[in-house]
């Protein structure tokens, strides 16, 4: 079940130290690279951990 893709803005269960919990998906594969919407920090996490910690999709593919 794939309900997210590159360019989507997602909400995670845990917030980033900068205070935001909204992330943009930058790269997908075995690991998923996400970028904090507020401060721009990029983090790479395993797909299984990402799927477990993602709450919901907030905005779909803003590039299209």
PDB file of N, CA and C in Angstrom:
ATOM      1  N   UNK A   1       0.845  -1.188   0.000  1.00  0.00           N
ATOM      2  CA  UNK A   1       0.000   0.000   0.000  1.00  0.00           C
ATOM      3  C   UNK A   1       0.883   1.241   0.000  1.00  0.00           C
ATOM      4  N   UNK A   2       0.855   1.981  -1.105  1.00  0.00           N
ATOM      5  CA  UNK A   2       1.676   3.181  -1.234  1.00  0.00           C
ATOM      6  C   UNK A   2       0.752   4.386  -1.317  1.00  0.00           C
ATOM      7  N   UNK A   3       0.727   5.186  -0.280  1.00  0.00           N
ATOM      8  CA  UNK A   3      -0.150   6.358  -0.280  1.00  0.00           C
ATOM      9  C   UNK A   3       0.650   7.648  -0.158  1.00  0.00           C
ATOM     10  N   UNK A   4       1.944   7.596  -0.540  1.00  0.00           N
ATOM     11  CA  UNK A   4       2.789   8.782  -0.526  1.00  0.00           C
ATOM     12  C   UNK A   4       3.804   8.659  -1.654  1.00  0.00           C
ATOM     13  N   UNK A   5       4.335   9.793  -2.085  1.00  0.00           N
ATOM     14  CA  UNK A   5       5.291   9.808  -3.186  1.00  0.00           C
ATOM     15  C   UNK A   5       6.203  11.019  -3.040  1.00  0.00           C
ATOM     16  N   UNK A   6       7.169  11.148  -3.925  1.00  0.00           N
ATOM     17  CA  UNK A   6       8.099  12.279  -3.892  1.00  0.00           C
ATOM     18  C   UNK A   6       7.317  13.585  -4.067  1.00  0.00           C
ATOM     19  N   UNK A   7       7.647  14.578  -3.255  1.00  0.00           N
ATOM     20  CA  UNK A   7       6.998  15.885  -3.322  1.00  0.00           C
ATOM     21  C   UNK A   7       5.836  16.043  -2.354  1.00  0.00           C
ATOM     22  N   UNK A   8       5.379  14.955  -1.749  1.00  0.00           N
ATOM     23  CA  UNK A   8       4.260  15.029  -0.808  1.00  0.00           C
ATOM     24  C   UNK A   8       4.733  15.611   0.525  1.00  0.00           C
ATOM     25  N   UNK A   9       3.863  16.354   1.192  1.00  0.00           N
ATOM     26  CA  UNK A   9       4.120  16.856   2.540  1.00  0.00           C
ATOM     27  C   UNK A   9       3.394  15.917   3.501  1.00  0.00           C
ATOM     28  N   UNK A  10       4.141  15.365   4.462  1.00  0.00           N
ATOM     29  CA  UNK A  10       3.561  14.413   5.415  1.00  0.00           C
ATOM     30  C   UNK A  10       3.757  14.915   6.844  1.00  0.00           C
ATOM     31  N   UNK A  11       2.884  14.462   7.726  1.00  0.00           N
ATOM     32  CA  UNK A  11       2.996  14.772   9.147  1.00  0.00           C
ATOM     33  C   UNK A  11       3.518  13.530   9.853  1.00  0.00           C
ATOM     34  N   UNK A  12       4.530  13.720  10.681  1.00  0.00           N
ATOM     35  CA  UNK A  12       5.126  12.602  11.418  1.00  0.00           C
ATOM     36  C   UNK A  12       4.647  12.638  12.868  1.00  0.00           C
ATOM     37  N   UNK A  13       4.733  11.498  13.557  1.00  0.00           N
ATOM     38  CA  UNK A  13       4.305  11.407  14.949  1.00  0.00           C
ATOM     39  C   UNK A  13       5.183  12.264  15.854  1.00  0.00           C
ATOM     40  N   UNK A  14       6.493  12.204  15.648  1.00  0.00           N
ATOM     41  CA  UNK A  14       7.428  12.988  16.464  1.00  0.00           C
ATOM     42  C   UNK A  14       7.823  14.244  15.713  1.00  0.00           C
ATOM     43  N   UNK A  15       7.884  15.341  16.429  1.00  0.00           N
ATOM     44  CA  UNK A  15       8.279  16.603  15.822  1.00  0.00           C
ATOM     45  C   UNK A  15       9.786  16.747  15.718  1.00  0.00           C
ATOM     46  N   UNK A  16      10.236  17.633  14.867  1.00  0.00           N
ATOM     47  CA  UNK A  16      11.645  17.965  14.721  1.00  0.00           C
ATOM     48  C   UNK A  16      12.025  18.943  15.832  1.00  0.00           C
ATOM     49  N   UNK A  17      13.268  18.963  16.293  1.00  0.00           N
ATOM     50  CA  UNK A  17      13.677  19.902  17.343  1.00  0.00           C
ATOM     51  C   UNK A  17      13.381  21.374  17.028  1.00  0.00           C
ATOM     52  N   UNK A  18      13.236  21.730  15.749  1.00  0.00           N
ATOM     53  CA  UNK A  18      12.930  23.123  15.397  1.00  0.00           C
ATOM     54  C   UNK A  18      11.469  23.466  15.694  1.00  0.00           C
ATOM     55  N   UNK A  19      10.654  22.460  15.983  1.00  0.00           N
ATOM     56  CA  UNK A  19       9.260  22.700  16.344  1.00  0.00           C
ATOM     57  C   UNK A  19       8.244  22.249  15.305  1.00  0.00           C
ATOM     58  N   UNK A  20       8.694  21.867  14.129  1.00  0.00           N
ATOM     59  CA  UNK A  20       7.771  21.435  13.070  1.00  0.00           C
ATOM     60  C   UNK A  20       7.652  19.913  13.049  1.00  0.00           C
ATOM     61  N   UNK A  21       6.510  19.416  12.574  1.00  0.00           N
ATOM     62  CA  UNK A  21       6.385  17.974  12.355  1.00  0.00           C
ATOM     63  C   UNK A  21       5.871  17.699  10.942  1.00  0.00           C
ATOM     64  N   UNK A  22       6.135  18.659  10.031  1.00  0.00           N
ATOM     65  CA  UNK A  22       5.762  18.502   8.631  1.00  0.00           C
ATOM     66  C   UNK A  22       7.032  18.337   7.809  1.00  0.00           C
ATOM     67  N   UNK A  23       7.028  17.325   6.940  1.00  0.00           N
ATOM     68  CA  UNK A  23       8.195  16.973   6.152  1.00  0.00           C
ATOM     69  C   UNK A  23       7.818  16.794   4.690  1.00  0.00           C
ATOM     70  N   UNK A  24       8.723  17.156   3.792  1.00  0.00           N
ATOM     71  CA  UNK A  24       8.543  16.917   2.362  1.00  0.00           C
ATOM     72  C   UNK A  24       9.378  15.704   1.976  1.00  0.00           C
ATOM     73  N   UNK A  25       8.773  14.781   1.237  1.00  0.00           N
ATOM     74  CA  UNK A  25       9.501  13.597   0.771  1.00  0.00           C
ATOM     75  C   UNK A  25      10.359  14.006  -0.421  1.00  0.00           C
ATOM     76  N   UNK A  26      11.674  13.803  -0.287  1.00  0.00           N
ATOM     77  CA  UNK A  26      12.623  14.226  -1.313  1.00  0.00           C
ATOM     78  C   UNK A  26      13.085  13.051  -2.170  1.00  0.00           C
ATOM     79  N   UNK A  27      13.286  11.875  -1.547  1.00  0.00           N
ATOM     80  CA  UNK A  27      13.789  10.697  -2.263  1.00  0.00           C
ATOM     81  C   UNK A  27      13.158   9.457  -1.666  1.00  0.00           C
ATOM     82  N   UNK A  28      12.891   8.458  -2.525  1.00  0.00           N
ATOM     83  CA  UNK A  28      12.308   7.209  -2.042  1.00  0.00           C
ATOM     84  C   UNK A  28      13.111   6.029  -2.565  1.00  0.00           C
ATOM     85  N   UNK A  29      13.167   4.992  -1.752  1.00  0.00           N
ATOM     86  CA  UNK A  29      13.866   3.753  -2.080  1.00  0.00           C
ATOM     87  C   UNK A  29      13.767   2.869  -0.857  1.00  0.00           C
ATOM     88  N   UNK A  30      14.823   2.106  -0.560  1.00  0.00           N
ATOM     89  CA  UNK A  30      14.850   1.319   0.672  1.00  0.00           C
ATOM     90  C   UNK A  30      14.855   2.264   1.870  1.00  0.00           C
ATOM     91  N   UNK A  31      15.525   3.417   1.686  1.00  0.00           N
ATOM     92  CA  UNK A  31      15.500   4.499   2.669  1.00  0.00           C
ATOM     93  C   UNK A  31      14.716   5.650   2.066  1.00  0.00           C
ATOM     94  N   UNK A  32      14.119   6.456   2.923  1.00  0.00           N
ATOM     95  CA  UNK A  32      13.358   7.613   2.460  1.00  0.00           C
ATOM     96  C   UNK A  32      14.023   8.870   2.994  1.00  0.00           C
ATOM     97  N   UNK A  33      14.278   9.819   2.094  1.00  0.00           N
ATOM     98  CA  UNK A  33      14.887  11.088   2.482  1.00  0.00           C
ATOM     99  C   UNK A  33      13.773  12.119   2.607  1.00  0.00           C
ATOM    100  N   UNK A  34      13.700  12.758   3.778  1.00  0.00           N
ATOM    101  CA  UNK A  34      12.673  13.764   4.022  1.00  0.00           C
ATOM    102  C   UNK A  34      13.329  15.074   4.435  1.00  0.00           C
ATOM    103  N   UNK A  35      12.660  16.189   4.099  1.00  0.00           N
ATOM    104  CA  UNK A  35      13.183  17.524   4.401  1.00  0.00           C
ATOM    105  C   UNK A  35      12.188  18.261   5.280  1.00  0.00           C
ATOM    106  N   UNK A  36      12.668  18.822   6.386  1.00  0.00           N
ATOM    107  CA  UNK A  36      11.816  19.587   7.289  1.00  0.00           C
ATOM    108  C   UNK A  36      11.295  20.827   6.564  1.00  0.00           C
ATOM    109  N   UNK A  37       9.991  21.056   6.630  1.00  0.00           N
ATOM    110  CA  UNK A  37       9.379  22.183   5.935  1.00  0.00           C
ATOM    111  C   UNK A  37       9.799  23.515   6.570  1.00  0.00           C
ATOM    112  N   UNK A  38      10.013  23.533   7.867  1.00  0.00           N
ATOM    113  CA  UNK A  38      10.323  24.778   8.580  1.00  0.00           C
ATOM    114  C   UNK A  38      11.791  25.189   8.444  1.00  0.00           C
ATOM    115  N   UNK A  39      12.724  24.280   8.753  1.00  0.00           N
ATOM    116  CA  UNK A  39      14.139  24.670   8.789  1.00  0.00           C
ATOM    117  C   UNK A  39      14.965  24.149   7.610  1.00  0.00           C
ATOM    118  N   UNK A  40      14.428  23.197   6.843  1.00  0.00           N
ATOM    119  CA  UNK A  40      15.129  22.693   5.665  1.00  0.00           C
ATOM    120  C   UNK A  40      16.109  21.559   5.920  1.00  0.00           C
ATOM    121  N   UNK A  41      16.208  21.073   7.150  1.00  0.00           N
ATOM    122  CA  UNK A  41      17.108  19.962   7.481  1.00  0.00           C
ATOM    123  C   UNK A  41      16.658  18.712   6.740  1.00  0.00           C
ATOM    124  N   UNK A  42      17.602  17.975   6.181  1.00  0.00           N
ATOM    125  CA  UNK A  42      17.296  16.746   5.449  1.00  0.00           C
ATOM    126  C   UNK A  42      17.732  15.548   6.281  1.00  0.00           C
ATOM    127  N   UNK A  43      16.837  14.563   6.402  1.00  0.00           N
ATOM    128  CA  UNK A  43      17.080  13.362   7.189  1.00  0.00           C
ATOM    129  C   UNK A  43      16.749  12.153   6.327  1.00  0.00           C
ATOM    130  N   UNK A  44      17.549  11.097   6.457  1.00  0.00           N
ATOM    131  CA  UNK A  44      17.278   9.857   5.734  1.00  0.00           C
ATOM    132  C   UNK A  44      16.968   8.768   6.753  1.00  0.00           C
ATOM    133  N   UNK A  45      15.816   8.113   6.588  1.00  0.00           N
ATOM    134  CA  UNK A  45      15.407   7.065   7.517  1.00  0.00           C
ATOM    135  C   UNK A  45      14.954   5.822   6.733  1.00  0.00           C
ATOM    136  N   UNK A  46      15.058   4.641   7.339  1.00  0.00           N
ATOM    137  CA  UNK A  46      14.589   3.420   6.666  1.00  0.00           C
ATOM    138  C   UNK A  46      13.087   3.493   6.375  1.00  0.00           C
ATOM    139  N   UNK A  47      12.685   2.907   5.259  1.00  0.00           N
ATOM    140  CA  UNK A  47      11.271   2.938   4.845  1.00  0.00           C
ATOM    141  C   UNK A  47      10.350   2.374   5.920  1.00  0.00           C
ATOM    142  N   UNK A  48      10.760   1.281   6.572  1.00  0.00           N
ATOM    143  CA  UNK A  48       9.900   0.665   7.592  1.00  0.00           C
ATOM    144  C   UNK A  48       9.655   1.622   8.761  1.00  0.00           C
ATOM    145  N   UNK A  49      10.681   2.338   9.181  1.00  0.00           N
ATOM    146  CA  UNK A  49      10.537   3.303  10.277  1.00  0.00           C
ATOM    147  C   UNK A  49       9.672   4.482   9.832  1.00  0.00           C
ATOM    148  N   UNK A  50       9.859   4.939   8.585  1.00  0.00           N
ATOM    149  CA  UNK A  50       9.059   6.045   8.050  1.00  0.00           C
ATOM    150  C   UNK A  50       7.574   5.677   8.038  1.00  0.00           C
ATOM    151  N   UNK A  51       7.253   4.482   7.516  1.00  0.00           N
ATOM    152  CA  UNK A  51       5.849   4.057   7.425  1.00  0.00           C
ATOM    153  C   UNK A  51       5.224   3.905   8.808  1.00  0.00           C
ATOM    154  N   UNK A  52       6.015   3.499   9.792  1.00  0.00           N
ATOM    155  CA  UNK A  52       5.512   3.341  11.160  1.00  0.00           C
ATOM    156  C   UNK A  52       5.256   4.692  11.823  1.00  0.00           C
ATOM    157  N   UNK A  53       6.098   5.684  11.542  1.00  0.00           N
ATOM    158  CA  UNK A  53       6.022   6.974  12.218  1.00  0.00           C
ATOM    159  C   UNK A  53       5.234   8.045  11.474  1.00  0.00           C
ATOM    160  N   UNK A  54       4.794   7.775  10.243  1.00  0.00           N
ATOM    161  CA  UNK A  54       4.016   8.756   9.499  1.00  0.00           C
ATOM    162  C   UNK A  54       2.567   8.745   9.978  1.00  0.00           C
ATOM    163  N   UNK A  55       2.037   9.940  10.288  1.00  0.00           N
ATOM    164  CA  UNK A  55       0.637  10.048  10.708  1.00  0.00           C
ATOM    165  C   UNK A  55      -0.297  10.124   9.508  1.00  0.00           C
ATOM    166  N   UNK A  56      -0.014  11.098   8.617  1.00  0.00           N
ATOM    167  CA  UNK A  56      -0.912  11.294   7.473  1.00  0.00           C
ATOM    168  C   UNK A  56      -0.244  12.158   6.415  1.00  0.00           C
ATOM    169  N   UNK A  57      -0.814  12.132   5.215  1.00  0.00           N
ATOM    170  CA  UNK A  57      -0.370  12.982   4.120  1.00  0.00           C
ATOM    171  C   UNK A  57      -1.151  14.288   4.219  1.00  0.00           C
ATOM    172  N   UNK A  58      -0.450  15.411   4.259  1.00  0.00           N
ATOM    173  CA  UNK A  58      -1.101  16.715   4.372  1.00  0.00           C
ATOM    174  C   UNK A  58      -1.360  17.350   3.013  1.00  0.00           C
ATOM    175  N   UNK A  59      -0.388  17.220   2.128  1.00  0.00           N
ATOM    176  CA  UNK A  59      -0.487  17.882   0.820  1.00  0.00           C
ATOM    177  C   UNK A  59       0.126  16.961  -0.218  1.00  0.00           C
ATOM    178  N   UNK A  60      -0.576  16.762  -1.327  1.00  0.00           N
ATOM    179  CA  UNK A  60      -0.077  15.874  -2.358  1.00  0.00           C
ATOM    180  C   UNK A  60       0.742  16.640  -3.393  1.00  0.00           C
ATOM    181  N   UNK A  61       1.782  16.016  -3.827  1.00  0.00           N
ATOM    182  CA  UNK A  61       2.694  16.434  -4.881  1.00  0.00           C
ATOM    183  C   UNK A  61       2.523  17.877  -5.350  1.00  0.00           C
ATOM    184  N   UNK A  62       3.188  18.785  -4.665  1.00  0.00           N
ATOM    185  CA  UNK A  62       3.068  20.200  -4.998  1.00  0.00           C
ATOM    186  C   UNK A  62       3.775  20.566  -6.284  1.00  0.00           C
ATOM    187  N   UNK A  63       4.547  19.644  -6.870  1.00  0.00           N
ATOM    188  CA  UNK A  63       5.274  19.906  -8.107  1.00  0.00           C
ATOM    189  C   UNK A  63       4.428  19.718  -9.357  1.00  0.00           C
ATOM    190  N   UNK A  64       3.280  19.070  -9.249  1.00  0.00           N
ATOM    191  CA  UNK A  64       2.485  18.816 -10.453  1.00  0.00           C
ATOM    192  C   UNK A  64       1.285  19.710 -10.547  1.00  0.00           C
TER     193      UNK A  64
END
